[in-house]
């Protein structure tokens, strides 16, 4: 993403953002 000057999206991190819970939780 940095090389392409684009944002990087991590699917697991998005899930954490949406739920407010860590994946293991």
PDBML (XML) file of the C-alpha atoms, coordinates in Angstrom:
<?xml version="1.0" encoding="UTF-8" ?>
<PDBx:datablock datablockName="MODEL"
   xmlns:PDBx="http://pdbml.pdb.org/schema/pdbx-v50.xsd"
   xmlns:xsi="http://www.w3.org/2001/XMLSchema-instance"
   xsi:schemaLocation="http://pdbml.pdb.org/schema/pdbx-v50.xsd pdbx-v50.xsd">
   <PDBx:atom_siteCategory>
      <PDBx:atom_site id="1">
         <PDBx:B_iso_or_equiv>0.00</PDBx:B_iso_or_equiv>
         <PDBx:Cartn_x>0.000</PDBx:Cartn_x>
         <PDBx:Cartn_y>0.000</PDBx:Cartn_y>
         <PDBx:Cartn_z>0.000</PDBx:Cartn_z>
         <PDBx:auth_asym_id>A</PDBx:auth_asym_id>
         <PDBx:auth_atom_id>CA</PDBx:auth_atom_id>
         <PDBx:auth_comp_id>UNK</PDBx:auth_comp_id>
         <PDBx:auth_seq_id>1</PDBx:auth_seq_id>
         <PDBx:group_PDB>ATOM</PDBx:group_PDB>
         <PDBx:label_alt_id xsi:nil="true" />
         <PDBx:label_asym_id>A</PDBx:label_asym_id>
         <PDBx:label_atom_id>CA</PDBx:label_atom_id>
         <PDBx:label_comp_id>UNK</PDBx:label_comp_id>
         <PDBx:label_entity_id>1</PDBx:label_entity_id>
         <PDBx:label_seq_id>1</PDBx:label_seq_id>
         <PDBx:occupancy>1.00</PDBx:occupancy>
         <PDBx:pdbx_PDB_model_num>1</PDBx:pdbx_PDB_model_num>
         <PDBx:type_symbol>C</PDBx:type_symbol>
      </PDBx:atom_site>
      <PDBx:atom_site id="2">
         <PDBx:B_iso_or_equiv>0.00</PDBx:B_iso_or_equiv>
         <PDBx:Cartn_x>2.829</PDBx:Cartn_x>
         <PDBx:Cartn_y>2.410</PDBx:Cartn_y>
         <PDBx:Cartn_z>0.842</PDBx:Cartn_z>
         <PDBx:auth_asym_id>A</PDBx:auth_asym_id>
         <PDBx:auth_atom_id>CA</PDBx:auth_atom_id>
         <PDBx:auth_comp_id>UNK</PDBx:auth_comp_id>
         <PDBx:auth_seq_id>2</PDBx:auth_seq_id>
         <PDBx:group_PDB>ATOM</PDBx:group_PDB>
         <PDBx:label_alt_id xsi:nil="true" />
         <PDBx:label_asym_id>A</PDBx:label_asym_id>
         <PDBx:label_atom_id>CA</PDBx:label_atom_id>
         <PDBx:label_comp_id>UNK</PDBx:label_comp_id>
         <PDBx:label_entity_id>1</PDBx:label_entity_id>
         <PDBx:label_seq_id>2</PDBx:label_seq_id>
         <PDBx:occupancy>1.00</PDBx:occupancy>
         <PDBx:pdbx_PDB_model_num>1</PDBx:pdbx_PDB_model_num>
         <PDBx:type_symbol>C</PDBx:type_symbol>
      </PDBx:atom_site>
      <PDBx:atom_site id="3">
         <PDBx:B_iso_or_equiv>0.00</PDBx:B_iso_or_equiv>
         <PDBx:Cartn_x>4.546</PDBx:Cartn_x>
         <PDBx:Cartn_y>1.667</PDBx:Cartn_y>
         <PDBx:Cartn_z>-2.480</PDBx:Cartn_z>
         <PDBx:auth_asym_id>A</PDBx:auth_asym_id>
         <PDBx:auth_atom_id>CA</PDBx:auth_atom_id>
         <PDBx:auth_comp_id>UNK</PDBx:auth_comp_id>
         <PDBx:auth_seq_id>3</PDBx:auth_seq_id>
         <PDBx:group_PDB>ATOM</PDBx:group_PDB>
         <PDBx:label_alt_id xsi:nil="true" />
         <PDBx:label_asym_id>A</PDBx:label_asym_id>
         <PDBx:label_atom_id>CA</PDBx:label_atom_id>
         <PDBx:label_comp_id>UNK</PDBx:label_comp_id>
         <PDBx:label_entity_id>1</PDBx:label_entity_id>
         <PDBx:label_seq_id>3</PDBx:label_seq_id>
         <PDBx:occupancy>1.00</PDBx:occupancy>
         <PDBx:pdbx_PDB_model_num>1</PDBx:pdbx_PDB_model_num>
         <PDBx:type_symbol>C</PDBx:type_symbol>
      </PDBx:atom_site>
      <PDBx:atom_site id="4">
         <PDBx:B_iso_or_equiv>0.00</PDBx:B_iso_or_equiv>
         <PDBx:Cartn_x>1.286</PDBx:Cartn_x>
         <PDBx:Cartn_y>2.266</PDBx:Cartn_y>
         <PDBx:Cartn_z>-4.353</PDBx:Cartn_z>
         <PDBx:auth_asym_id>A</PDBx:auth_asym_id>
         <PDBx:auth_atom_id>CA</PDBx:auth_atom_id>
         <PDBx:auth_comp_id>UNK</PDBx:auth_comp_id>
         <PDBx:auth_seq_id>4</PDBx:auth_seq_id>
         <PDBx:group_PDB>ATOM</PDBx:group_PDB>
         <PDBx:label_alt_id xsi:nil="true" />
         <PDBx:label_asym_id>A</PDBx:label_asym_id>
         <PDBx:label_atom_id>CA</PDBx:label_atom_id>
         <PDBx:label_comp_id>UNK</PDBx:label_comp_id>
         <PDBx:label_entity_id>1</PDBx:label_entity_id>
         <PDBx:label_seq_id>4</PDBx:label_seq_id>
         <PDBx:occupancy>1.00</PDBx:occupancy>
         <PDBx:pdbx_PDB_model_num>1</PDBx:pdbx_PDB_model_num>
         <PDBx:type_symbol>C</PDBx:type_symbol>
      </PDBx:atom_site>
      <PDBx:atom_site id="5">
         <PDBx:B_iso_or_equiv>0.00</PDBx:B_iso_or_equiv>
         <PDBx:Cartn_x>0.453</PDBx:Cartn_x>
         <PDBx:Cartn_y>5.333</PDBx:Cartn_y>
         <PDBx:Cartn_z>-2.233</PDBx:Cartn_z>
         <PDBx:auth_asym_id>A</PDBx:auth_asym_id>
         <PDBx:auth_atom_id>CA</PDBx:auth_atom_id>
         <PDBx:auth_comp_id>UNK</PDBx:auth_comp_id>
         <PDBx:auth_seq_id>5</PDBx:auth_seq_id>
         <PDBx:group_PDB>ATOM</PDBx:group_PDB>
         <PDBx:label_alt_id xsi:nil="true" />
         <PDBx:label_asym_id>A</PDBx:label_asym_id>
         <PDBx:label_atom_id>CA</PDBx:label_atom_id>
         <PDBx:label_comp_id>UNK</PDBx:label_comp_id>
         <PDBx:label_entity_id>1</PDBx:label_entity_id>
         <PDBx:label_seq_id>5</PDBx:label_seq_id>
         <PDBx:occupancy>1.00</PDBx:occupancy>
         <PDBx:pdbx_PDB_model_num>1</PDBx:pdbx_PDB_model_num>
         <PDBx:type_symbol>C</PDBx:type_symbol>
      </PDBx:atom_site>
      <PDBx:atom_site id="6">
         <PDBx:B_iso_or_equiv>0.00</PDBx:B_iso_or_equiv>
         <PDBx:Cartn_x>-2.821</PDBx:Cartn_x>
         <PDBx:Cartn_y>3.753</PDBx:Cartn_y>
         <PDBx:Cartn_z>-1.176</PDBx:Cartn_z>
         <PDBx:auth_asym_id>A</PDBx:auth_asym_id>
         <PDBx:auth_atom_id>CA</PDBx:auth_atom_id>
         <PDBx:auth_comp_id>UNK</PDBx:auth_comp_id>
         <PDBx:auth_seq_id>6</PDBx:auth_seq_id>
         <PDBx:group_PDB>ATOM</PDBx:group_PDB>
         <PDBx:label_alt_id xsi:nil="true" />
         <PDBx:label_asym_id>A</PDBx:label_asym_id>
         <PDBx:label_atom_id>CA</PDBx:label_atom_id>
         <PDBx:label_comp_id>UNK</PDBx:label_comp_id>
         <PDBx:label_entity_id>1</PDBx:label_entity_id>
         <PDBx:label_seq_id>6</PDBx:label_seq_id>
         <PDBx:occupancy>1.00</PDBx:occupancy>
         <PDBx:pdbx_PDB_model_num>1</PDBx:pdbx_PDB_model_num>
         <PDBx:type_symbol>C</PDBx:type_symbol>
      </PDBx:atom_site>
      <PDBx:atom_site id="7">
         <PDBx:B_iso_or_equiv>0.00</PDBx:B_iso_or_equiv>
         <PDBx:Cartn_x>-4.353</PDBx:Cartn_x>
         <PDBx:Cartn_y>3.056</PDBx:Cartn_y>
         <PDBx:Cartn_z>2.214</PDBx:Cartn_z>
         <PDBx:auth_asym_id>A</PDBx:auth_asym_id>
         <PDBx:auth_atom_id>CA</PDBx:auth_atom_id>
         <PDBx:auth_comp_id>UNK</PDBx:auth_comp_id>
         <PDBx:auth_seq_id>7</PDBx:auth_seq_id>
         <PDBx:group_PDB>ATOM</PDBx:group_PDB>
         <PDBx:label_alt_id xsi:nil="true" />
         <PDBx:label_asym_id>A</PDBx:label_asym_id>
         <PDBx:label_atom_id>CA</PDBx:label_atom_id>
         <PDBx:label_comp_id>UNK</PDBx:label_comp_id>
         <PDBx:label_entity_id>1</PDBx:label_entity_id>
         <PDBx:label_seq_id>7</PDBx:label_seq_id>
         <PDBx:occupancy>1.00</PDBx:occupancy>
         <PDBx:pdbx_PDB_model_num>1</PDBx:pdbx_PDB_model_num>
         <PDBx:type_symbol>C</PDBx:type_symbol>
      </PDBx:atom_site>
      <PDBx:atom_site id="8">
         <PDBx:B_iso_or_equiv>0.00</PDBx:B_iso_or_equiv>
         <PDBx:Cartn_x>-3.872</PDBx:Cartn_x>
         <PDBx:Cartn_y>-0.367</PDBx:Cartn_y>
         <PDBx:Cartn_z>3.760</PDBx:Cartn_z>
         <PDBx:auth_asym_id>A</PDBx:auth_asym_id>
         <PDBx:auth_atom_id>CA</PDBx:auth_atom_id>
         <PDBx:auth_comp_id>UNK</PDBx:auth_comp_id>
         <PDBx:auth_seq_id>8</PDBx:auth_seq_id>
         <PDBx:group_PDB>ATOM</PDBx:group_PDB>
         <PDBx:label_alt_id xsi:nil="true" />
         <PDBx:label_asym_id>A</PDBx:label_asym_id>
         <PDBx:label_atom_id>CA</PDBx:label_atom_id>
         <PDBx:label_comp_id>UNK</PDBx:label_comp_id>
         <PDBx:label_entity_id>1</PDBx:label_entity_id>
         <PDBx:label_seq_id>8</PDBx:label_seq_id>
         <PDBx:occupancy>1.00</PDBx:occupancy>
         <PDBx:pdbx_PDB_model_num>1</PDBx:pdbx_PDB_model_num>
         <PDBx:type_symbol>C</PDBx:type_symbol>
      </PDBx:atom_site>
      <PDBx:atom_site id="9">
         <PDBx:B_iso_or_equiv>0.00</PDBx:B_iso_or_equiv>
         <PDBx:Cartn_x>-6.906</PDBx:Cartn_x>
         <PDBx:Cartn_y>-2.136</PDBx:Cartn_y>
         <PDBx:Cartn_z>5.207</PDBx:Cartn_z>
         <PDBx:auth_asym_id>A</PDBx:auth_asym_id>
         <PDBx:auth_atom_id>CA</PDBx:auth_atom_id>
         <PDBx:auth_comp_id>UNK</PDBx:auth_comp_id>
         <PDBx:auth_seq_id>9</PDBx:auth_seq_id>
         <PDBx:group_PDB>ATOM</PDBx:group_PDB>
         <PDBx:label_alt_id xsi:nil="true" />
         <PDBx:label_asym_id>A</PDBx:label_asym_id>
         <PDBx:label_atom_id>CA</PDBx:label_atom_id>
         <PDBx:label_comp_id>UNK</PDBx:label_comp_id>
         <PDBx:label_entity_id>1</PDBx:label_entity_id>
         <PDBx:label_seq_id>9</PDBx:label_seq_id>
         <PDBx:occupancy>1.00</PDBx:occupancy>
         <PDBx:pdbx_PDB_model_num>1</PDBx:pdbx_PDB_model_num>
         <PDBx:type_symbol>C</PDBx:type_symbol>
      </PDBx:atom_site>
      <PDBx:atom_site id="10">
         <PDBx:B_iso_or_equiv>0.00</PDBx:B_iso_or_equiv>
         <PDBx:Cartn_x>-6.498</PDBx:Cartn_x>
         <PDBx:Cartn_y>-5.070</PDBx:Cartn_y>
         <PDBx:Cartn_z>7.569</PDBx:Cartn_z>
         <PDBx:auth_asym_id>A</PDBx:auth_asym_id>
         <PDBx:auth_atom_id>CA</PDBx:auth_atom_id>
         <PDBx:auth_comp_id>UNK</PDBx:auth_comp_id>
         <PDBx:auth_seq_id>10</PDBx:auth_seq_id>
         <PDBx:group_PDB>ATOM</PDBx:group_PDB>
         <PDBx:label_alt_id xsi:nil="true" />
         <PDBx:label_asym_id>A</PDBx:label_asym_id>
         <PDBx:label_atom_id>CA</PDBx:label_atom_id>
         <PDBx:label_comp_id>UNK</PDBx:label_comp_id>
         <PDBx:label_entity_id>1</PDBx:label_entity_id>
         <PDBx:label_seq_id>10</PDBx:label_seq_id>
         <PDBx:occupancy>1.00</PDBx:occupancy>
         <PDBx:pdbx_PDB_model_num>1</PDBx:pdbx_PDB_model_num>
         <PDBx:type_symbol>C</PDBx:type_symbol>
      </PDBx:atom_site>
      <PDBx:atom_site id="11">
         <PDBx:B_iso_or_equiv>0.00</PDBx:B_iso_or_equiv>
         <PDBx:Cartn_x>-9.767</PDBx:Cartn_x>
         <PDBx:Cartn_y>-7.001</PDBx:Cartn_y>
         <PDBx:Cartn_z>7.666</PDBx:Cartn_z>
         <PDBx:auth_asym_id>A</PDBx:auth_asym_id>
         <PDBx:auth_atom_id>CA</PDBx:auth_atom_id>
         <PDBx:auth_comp_id>UNK</PDBx:auth_comp_id>
         <PDBx:auth_seq_id>11</PDBx:auth_seq_id>
         <PDBx:group_PDB>ATOM</PDBx:group_PDB>
         <PDBx:label_alt_id xsi:nil="true" />
         <PDBx:label_asym_id>A</PDBx:label_asym_id>
         <PDBx:label_atom_id>CA</PDBx:label_atom_id>
         <PDBx:label_comp_id>UNK</PDBx:label_comp_id>
         <PDBx:label_entity_id>1</PDBx:label_entity_id>
         <PDBx:label_seq_id>11</PDBx:label_seq_id>
         <PDBx:occupancy>1.00</PDBx:occupancy>
         <PDBx:pdbx_PDB_model_num>1</PDBx:pdbx_PDB_model_num>
         <PDBx:type_symbol>C</PDBx:type_symbol>
      </PDBx:atom_site>
      <PDBx:atom_site id="12">
         <PDBx:B_iso_or_equiv>0.00</PDBx:B_iso_or_equiv>
         <PDBx:Cartn_x>-9.244</PDBx:Cartn_x>
         <PDBx:Cartn_y>-8.231</PDBx:Cartn_y>
         <PDBx:Cartn_z>11.230</PDBx:Cartn_z>
         <PDBx:auth_asym_id>A</PDBx:auth_asym_id>
         <PDBx:auth_atom_id>CA</PDBx:auth_atom_id>
         <PDBx:auth_comp_id>UNK</PDBx:auth_comp_id>
         <PDBx:auth_seq_id>12</PDBx:auth_seq_id>
         <PDBx:group_PDB>ATOM</PDBx:group_PDB>
         <PDBx:label_alt_id xsi:nil="true" />
         <PDBx:label_asym_id>A</PDBx:label_asym_id>
         <PDBx:label_atom_id>CA</PDBx:label_atom_id>
         <PDBx:label_comp_id>UNK</PDBx:label_comp_id>
         <PDBx:label_entity_id>1</PDBx:label_entity_id>
         <PDBx:label_seq_id>12</PDBx:label_seq_id>
         <PDBx:occupancy>1.00</PDBx:occupancy>
         <PDBx:pdbx_PDB_model_num>1</PDBx:pdbx_PDB_model_num>
         <PDBx:type_symbol>C</PDBx:type_symbol>
      </PDBx:atom_site>
      <PDBx:atom_site id="13">
         <PDBx:B_iso_or_equiv>0.00</PDBx:B_iso_or_equiv>
         <PDBx:Cartn_x>-8.493</PDBx:Cartn_x>
         <PDBx:Cartn_y>-4.691</PDBx:Cartn_y>
         <PDBx:Cartn_z>12.447</PDBx:Cartn_z>
         <PDBx:auth_asym_id>A</PDBx:auth_asym_id>
         <PDBx:auth_atom_id>CA</PDBx:auth_atom_id>
         <PDBx:auth_comp_id>UNK</PDBx:auth_comp_id>
         <PDBx:auth_seq_id>13</PDBx:auth_seq_id>
         <PDBx:group_PDB>ATOM</PDBx:group_PDB>
         <PDBx:label_alt_id xsi:nil="true" />
         <PDBx:label_asym_id>A</PDBx:label_asym_id>
         <PDBx:label_atom_id>CA</PDBx:label_atom_id>
         <PDBx:label_comp_id>UNK</PDBx:label_comp_id>
         <PDBx:label_entity_id>1</PDBx:label_entity_id>
         <PDBx:label_seq_id>13</PDBx:label_seq_id>
         <PDBx:occupancy>1.00</PDBx:occupancy>
         <PDBx:pdbx_PDB_model_num>1</PDBx:pdbx_PDB_model_num>
         <PDBx:type_symbol>C</PDBx:type_symbol>
      </PDBx:atom_site>
      <PDBx:atom_site id="14">
         <PDBx:B_iso_or_equiv>0.00</PDBx:B_iso_or_equiv>
         <PDBx:Cartn_x>-11.688</PDBx:Cartn_x>
         <PDBx:Cartn_y>-3.446</PDBx:Cartn_y>
         <PDBx:Cartn_z>10.783</PDBx:Cartn_z>
         <PDBx:auth_asym_id>A</PDBx:auth_asym_id>
         <PDBx:auth_atom_id>CA</PDBx:auth_atom_id>
         <PDBx:auth_comp_id>UNK</PDBx:auth_comp_id>
         <PDBx:auth_seq_id>14</PDBx:auth_seq_id>
         <PDBx:group_PDB>ATOM</PDBx:group_PDB>
         <PDBx:label_alt_id xsi:nil="true" />
         <PDBx:label_asym_id>A</PDBx:label_asym_id>
         <PDBx:label_atom_id>CA</PDBx:label_atom_id>
         <PDBx:label_comp_id>UNK</PDBx:label_comp_id>
         <PDBx:label_entity_id>1</PDBx:label_entity_id>
         <PDBx:label_seq_id>14</PDBx:label_seq_id>
         <PDBx:occupancy>1.00</PDBx:occupancy>
         <PDBx:pdbx_PDB_model_num>1</PDBx:pdbx_PDB_model_num>
         <PDBx:type_symbol>C</PDBx:type_symbol>
      </PDBx:atom_site>
      <PDBx:atom_site id="15">
         <PDBx:B_iso_or_equiv>0.00</PDBx:B_iso_or_equiv>
         <PDBx:Cartn_x>-13.641</PDBx:Cartn_x>
         <PDBx:Cartn_y>-6.132</PDBx:Cartn_y>
         <PDBx:Cartn_z>12.637</PDBx:Cartn_z>
         <PDBx:auth_asym_id>A</PDBx:auth_asym_id>
         <PDBx:auth_atom_id>CA</PDBx:auth_atom_id>
         <PDBx:auth_comp_id>UNK</PDBx:auth_comp_id>
         <PDBx:auth_seq_id>15</PDBx:auth_seq_id>
         <PDBx:group_PDB>ATOM</PDBx:group_PDB>
         <PDBx:label_alt_id xsi:nil="true" />
         <PDBx:label_asym_id>A</PDBx:label_asym_id>
         <PDBx:label_atom_id>CA</PDBx:label_atom_id>
         <PDBx:label_comp_id>UNK</PDBx:label_comp_id>
         <PDBx:label_entity_id>1</PDBx:label_entity_id>
         <PDBx:label_seq_id>15</PDBx:label_seq_id>
         <PDBx:occupancy>1.00</PDBx:occupancy>
         <PDBx:pdbx_PDB_model_num>1</PDBx:pdbx_PDB_model_num>
         <PDBx:type_symbol>C</PDBx:type_symbol>
      </PDBx:atom_site>
      <PDBx:atom_site id="16">
         <PDBx:B_iso_or_equiv>0.00</PDBx:B_iso_or_equiv>
         <PDBx:Cartn_x>-12.047</PDBx:Cartn_x>
         <PDBx:Cartn_y>-4.989</PDBx:Cartn_y>
         <PDBx:Cartn_z>15.910</PDBx:Cartn_z>
         <PDBx:auth_asym_id>A</PDBx:auth_asym_id>
         <PDBx:auth_atom_id>CA</PDBx:auth_atom_id>
         <PDBx:auth_comp_id>UNK</PDBx:auth_comp_id>
         <PDBx:auth_seq_id>16</PDBx:auth_seq_id>
         <PDBx:group_PDB>ATOM</PDBx:group_PDB>
         <PDBx:label_alt_id xsi:nil="true" />
         <PDBx:label_asym_id>A</PDBx:label_asym_id>
         <PDBx:label_atom_id>CA</PDBx:label_atom_id>
         <PDBx:label_comp_id>UNK</PDBx:label_comp_id>
         <PDBx:label_entity_id>1</PDBx:label_entity_id>
         <PDBx:label_seq_id>16</PDBx:label_seq_id>
         <PDBx:occupancy>1.00</PDBx:occupancy>
         <PDBx:pdbx_PDB_model_num>1</PDBx:pdbx_PDB_model_num>
         <PDBx:type_symbol>C</PDBx:type_symbol>
      </PDBx:atom_site>
      <PDBx:atom_site id="17">
         <PDBx:B_iso_or_equiv>0.00</PDBx:B_iso_or_equiv>
         <PDBx:Cartn_x>-12.983</PDBx:Cartn_x>
         <PDBx:Cartn_y>-1.376</PDBx:Cartn_y>
         <PDBx:Cartn_z>15.083</PDBx:Cartn_z>
         <PDBx:auth_asym_id>A</PDBx:auth_asym_id>
         <PDBx:auth_atom_id>CA</PDBx:auth_atom_id>
         <PDBx:auth_comp_id>UNK</PDBx:auth_comp_id>
         <PDBx:auth_seq_id>17</PDBx:auth_seq_id>
         <PDBx:group_PDB>ATOM</PDBx:group_PDB>
         <PDBx:label_alt_id xsi:nil="true" />
         <PDBx:label_asym_id>A</PDBx:label_asym_id>
         <PDBx:label_atom_id>CA</PDBx:label_atom_id>
         <PDBx:label_comp_id>UNK</PDBx:label_comp_id>
         <PDBx:label_entity_id>1</PDBx:label_entity_id>
         <PDBx:label_seq_id>17</PDBx:label_seq_id>
         <PDBx:occupancy>1.00</PDBx:occupancy>
         <PDBx:pdbx_PDB_model_num>1</PDBx:pdbx_PDB_model_num>
         <PDBx:type_symbol>C</PDBx:type_symbol>
      </PDBx:atom_site>
      <PDBx:atom_site id="18">
         <PDBx:B_iso_or_equiv>0.00</PDBx:B_iso_or_equiv>
         <PDBx:Cartn_x>-16.607</PDBx:Cartn_x>
         <PDBx:Cartn_y>-2.301</PDBx:Cartn_y>
         <PDBx:Cartn_z>14.330</PDBx:Cartn_z>
         <PDBx:auth_asym_id>A</PDBx:auth_asym_id>
         <PDBx:auth_atom_id>CA</PDBx:auth_atom_id>
         <PDBx:auth_comp_id>UNK</PDBx:auth_comp_id>
         <PDBx:auth_seq_id>18</PDBx:auth_seq_id>
         <PDBx:group_PDB>ATOM</PDBx:group_PDB>
         <PDBx:label_alt_id xsi:nil="true" />
         <PDBx:label_asym_id>A</PDBx:label_asym_id>
         <PDBx:label_atom_id>CA</PDBx:label_atom_id>
         <PDBx:label_comp_id>UNK</PDBx:label_comp_id>
         <PDBx:label_entity_id>1</PDBx:label_entity_id>
         <PDBx:label_seq_id>18</PDBx:label_seq_id>
         <PDBx:occupancy>1.00</PDBx:occupancy>
         <PDBx:pdbx_PDB_model_num>1</PDBx:pdbx_PDB_model_num>
         <PDBx:type_symbol>C</PDBx:type_symbol>
      </PDBx:atom_site>
      <PDBx:atom_site id="19">
         <PDBx:B_iso_or_equiv>0.00</PDBx:B_iso_or_equiv>
         <PDBx:Cartn_x>-17.109</PDBx:Cartn_x>
         <PDBx:Cartn_y>-4.514</PDBx:Cartn_y>
         <PDBx:Cartn_z>17.367</PDBx:Cartn_z>
         <PDBx:auth_asym_id>A</PDBx:auth_asym_id>
         <PDBx:auth_atom_id>CA</PDBx:auth_atom_id>
         <PDBx:auth_comp_id>UNK</PDBx:auth_comp_id>
         <PDBx:auth_seq_id>19</PDBx:auth_seq_id>
         <PDBx:group_PDB>ATOM</PDBx:group_PDB>
         <PDBx:label_alt_id xsi:nil="true" />
         <PDBx:label_asym_id>A</PDBx:label_asym_id>
         <PDBx:label_atom_id>CA</PDBx:label_atom_id>
         <PDBx:label_comp_id>UNK</PDBx:label_comp_id>
         <PDBx:label_entity_id>1</PDBx:label_entity_id>
         <PDBx:label_seq_id>19</PDBx:label_seq_id>
         <PDBx:occupancy>1.00</PDBx:occupancy>
         <PDBx:pdbx_PDB_model_num>1</PDBx:pdbx_PDB_model_num>
         <PDBx:type_symbol>C</PDBx:type_symbol>
      </PDBx:atom_site>
      <PDBx:atom_site id="20">
         <PDBx:B_iso_or_equiv>0.00</PDBx:B_iso_or_equiv>
         <PDBx:Cartn_x>-14.841</PDBx:Cartn_x>
         <PDBx:Cartn_y>-2.872</PDBx:Cartn_y>
         <PDBx:Cartn_z>19.919</PDBx:Cartn_z>
         <PDBx:auth_asym_id>A</PDBx:auth_asym_id>
         <PDBx:auth_atom_id>CA</PDBx:auth_atom_id>
         <PDBx:auth_comp_id>UNK</PDBx:auth_comp_id>
         <PDBx:auth_seq_id>20</PDBx:auth_seq_id>
         <PDBx:group_PDB>ATOM</PDBx:group_PDB>
         <PDBx:label_alt_id xsi:nil="true" />
         <PDBx:label_asym_id>A</PDBx:label_asym_id>
         <PDBx:label_atom_id>CA</PDBx:label_atom_id>
         <PDBx:label_comp_id>UNK</PDBx:label_comp_id>
         <PDBx:label_entity_id>1</PDBx:label_entity_id>
         <PDBx:label_seq_id>20</PDBx:label_seq_id>
         <PDBx:occupancy>1.00</PDBx:occupancy>
         <PDBx:pdbx_PDB_model_num>1</PDBx:pdbx_PDB_model_num>
         <PDBx:type_symbol>C</PDBx:type_symbol>
      </PDBx:atom_site>
      <PDBx:atom_site id="21">
         <PDBx:B_iso_or_equiv>0.00</PDBx:B_iso_or_equiv>
         <PDBx:Cartn_x>-13.582</PDBx:Cartn_x>
         <PDBx:Cartn_y>-6.371</PDBx:Cartn_y>
         <PDBx:Cartn_z>20.767</PDBx:Cartn_z>
         <PDBx:auth_asym_id>A</PDBx:auth_asym_id>
         <PDBx:auth_atom_id>CA</PDBx:auth_atom_id>
         <PDBx:auth_comp_id>UNK</PDBx:auth_comp_id>
         <PDBx:auth_seq_id>21</PDBx:auth_seq_id>
         <PDBx:group_PDB>ATOM</PDBx:group_PDB>
         <PDBx:label_alt_id xsi:nil="true" />
         <PDBx:label_asym_id>A</PDBx:label_asym_id>
         <PDBx:label_atom_id>CA</PDBx:label_atom_id>
         <PDBx:label_comp_id>UNK</PDBx:label_comp_id>
         <PDBx:label_entity_id>1</PDBx:label_entity_id>
         <PDBx:label_seq_id>21</PDBx:label_seq_id>
         <PDBx:occupancy>1.00</PDBx:occupancy>
         <PDBx:pdbx_PDB_model_num>1</PDBx:pdbx_PDB_model_num>
         <PDBx:type_symbol>C</PDBx:type_symbol>
      </PDBx:atom_site>
      <PDBx:atom_site id="22">
         <PDBx:B_iso_or_equiv>0.00</PDBx:B_iso_or_equiv>
         <PDBx:Cartn_x>-10.304</PDBx:Cartn_x>
         <PDBx:Cartn_y>-8.109</PDBx:Cartn_y>
         <PDBx:Cartn_z>20.015</PDBx:Cartn_z>
         <PDBx:auth_asym_id>A</PDBx:auth_asym_id>
         <PDBx:auth_atom_id>CA</PDBx:auth_atom_id>
         <PDBx:auth_comp_id>UNK</PDBx:auth_comp_id>
         <PDBx:auth_seq_id>22</PDBx:auth_seq_id>
         <PDBx:group_PDB>ATOM</PDBx:group_PDB>
         <PDBx:label_alt_id xsi:nil="true" />
         <PDBx:label_asym_id>A</PDBx:label_asym_id>
         <PDBx:label_atom_id>CA</PDBx:label_atom_id>
         <PDBx:label_comp_id>UNK</PDBx:label_comp_id>
         <PDBx:label_entity_id>1</PDBx:label_entity_id>
         <PDBx:label_seq_id>22</PDBx:label_seq_id>
         <PDBx:occupancy>1.00</PDBx:occupancy>
         <PDBx:pdbx_PDB_model_num>1</PDBx:pdbx_PDB_model_num>
         <PDBx:type_symbol>C</PDBx:type_symbol>
      </PDBx:atom_site>
      <PDBx:atom_site id="23">
         <PDBx:B_iso_or_equiv>0.00</PDBx:B_iso_or_equiv>
         <PDBx:Cartn_x>-10.468</PDBx:Cartn_x>
         <PDBx:Cartn_y>-11.115</PDBx:Cartn_y>
         <PDBx:Cartn_z>17.666</PDBx:Cartn_z>
         <PDBx:auth_asym_id>A</PDBx:auth_asym_id>
         <PDBx:auth_atom_id>CA</PDBx:auth_atom_id>
         <PDBx:auth_comp_id>UNK</PDBx:auth_comp_id>
         <PDBx:auth_seq_id>23</PDBx:auth_seq_id>
         <PDBx:group_PDB>ATOM</PDBx:group_PDB>
         <PDBx:label_alt_id xsi:nil="true" />
         <PDBx:label_asym_id>A</PDBx:label_asym_id>
         <PDBx:label_atom_id>CA</PDBx:label_atom_id>
         <PDBx:label_comp_id>UNK</PDBx:label_comp_id>
         <PDBx:label_entity_id>1</PDBx:label_entity_id>
         <PDBx:label_seq_id>23</PDBx:label_seq_id>
         <PDBx:occupancy>1.00</PDBx:occupancy>
         <PDBx:pdbx_PDB_model_num>1</PDBx:pdbx_PDB_model_num>
         <PDBx:type_symbol>C</PDBx:type_symbol>
      </PDBx:atom_site>
      <PDBx:atom_site id="24">
         <PDBx:B_iso_or_equiv>0.00</PDBx:B_iso_or_equiv>
         <PDBx:Cartn_x>-9.642</PDBx:Cartn_x>
         <PDBx:Cartn_y>-13.553</PDBx:Cartn_y>
         <PDBx:Cartn_z>20.483</PDBx:Cartn_z>
         <PDBx:auth_asym_id>A</PDBx:auth_asym_id>
         <PDBx:auth_atom_id>CA</PDBx:auth_atom_id>
         <PDBx:auth_comp_id>UNK</PDBx:auth_comp_id>
         <PDBx:auth_seq_id>24</PDBx:auth_seq_id>
         <PDBx:group_PDB>ATOM</PDBx:group_PDB>
         <PDBx:label_alt_id xsi:nil="true" />
         <PDBx:label_asym_id>A</PDBx:label_asym_id>
         <PDBx:label_atom_id>CA</PDBx:label_atom_id>
         <PDBx:label_comp_id>UNK</PDBx:label_comp_id>
         <PDBx:label_entity_id>1</PDBx:label_entity_id>
         <PDBx:label_seq_id>24</PDBx:label_seq_id>
         <PDBx:occupancy>1.00</PDBx:occupancy>
         <PDBx:pdbx_PDB_model_num>1</PDBx:pdbx_PDB_model_num>
         <PDBx:type_symbol>C</PDBx:type_symbol>
      </PDBx:atom_site>
      <PDBx:atom_site id="25">
         <PDBx:B_iso_or_equiv>0.00</PDBx:B_iso_or_equiv>
         <PDBx:Cartn_x>-12.507</PDBx:Cartn_x>
         <PDBx:Cartn_y>-12.041</PDBx:Cartn_y>
         <PDBx:Cartn_z>22.542</PDBx:Cartn_z>
         <PDBx:auth_asym_id>A</PDBx:auth_asym_id>
         <PDBx:auth_atom_id>CA</PDBx:auth_atom_id>
         <PDBx:auth_comp_id>UNK</PDBx:auth_comp_id>
         <PDBx:auth_seq_id>25</PDBx:auth_seq_id>
         <PDBx:group_PDB>ATOM</PDBx:group_PDB>
         <PDBx:label_alt_id xsi:nil="true" />
         <PDBx:label_asym_id>A</PDBx:label_asym_id>
         <PDBx:label_atom_id>CA</PDBx:label_atom_id>
         <PDBx:label_comp_id>UNK</PDBx:label_comp_id>
         <PDBx:label_entity_id>1</PDBx:label_entity_id>
         <PDBx:label_seq_id>25</PDBx:label_seq_id>
         <PDBx:occupancy>1.00</PDBx:occupancy>
         <PDBx:pdbx_PDB_model_num>1</PDBx:pdbx_PDB_model_num>
         <PDBx:type_symbol>C</PDBx:type_symbol>
      </PDBx:atom_site>
   </PDBx:atom_siteCategory>
</PDBx:datablock>
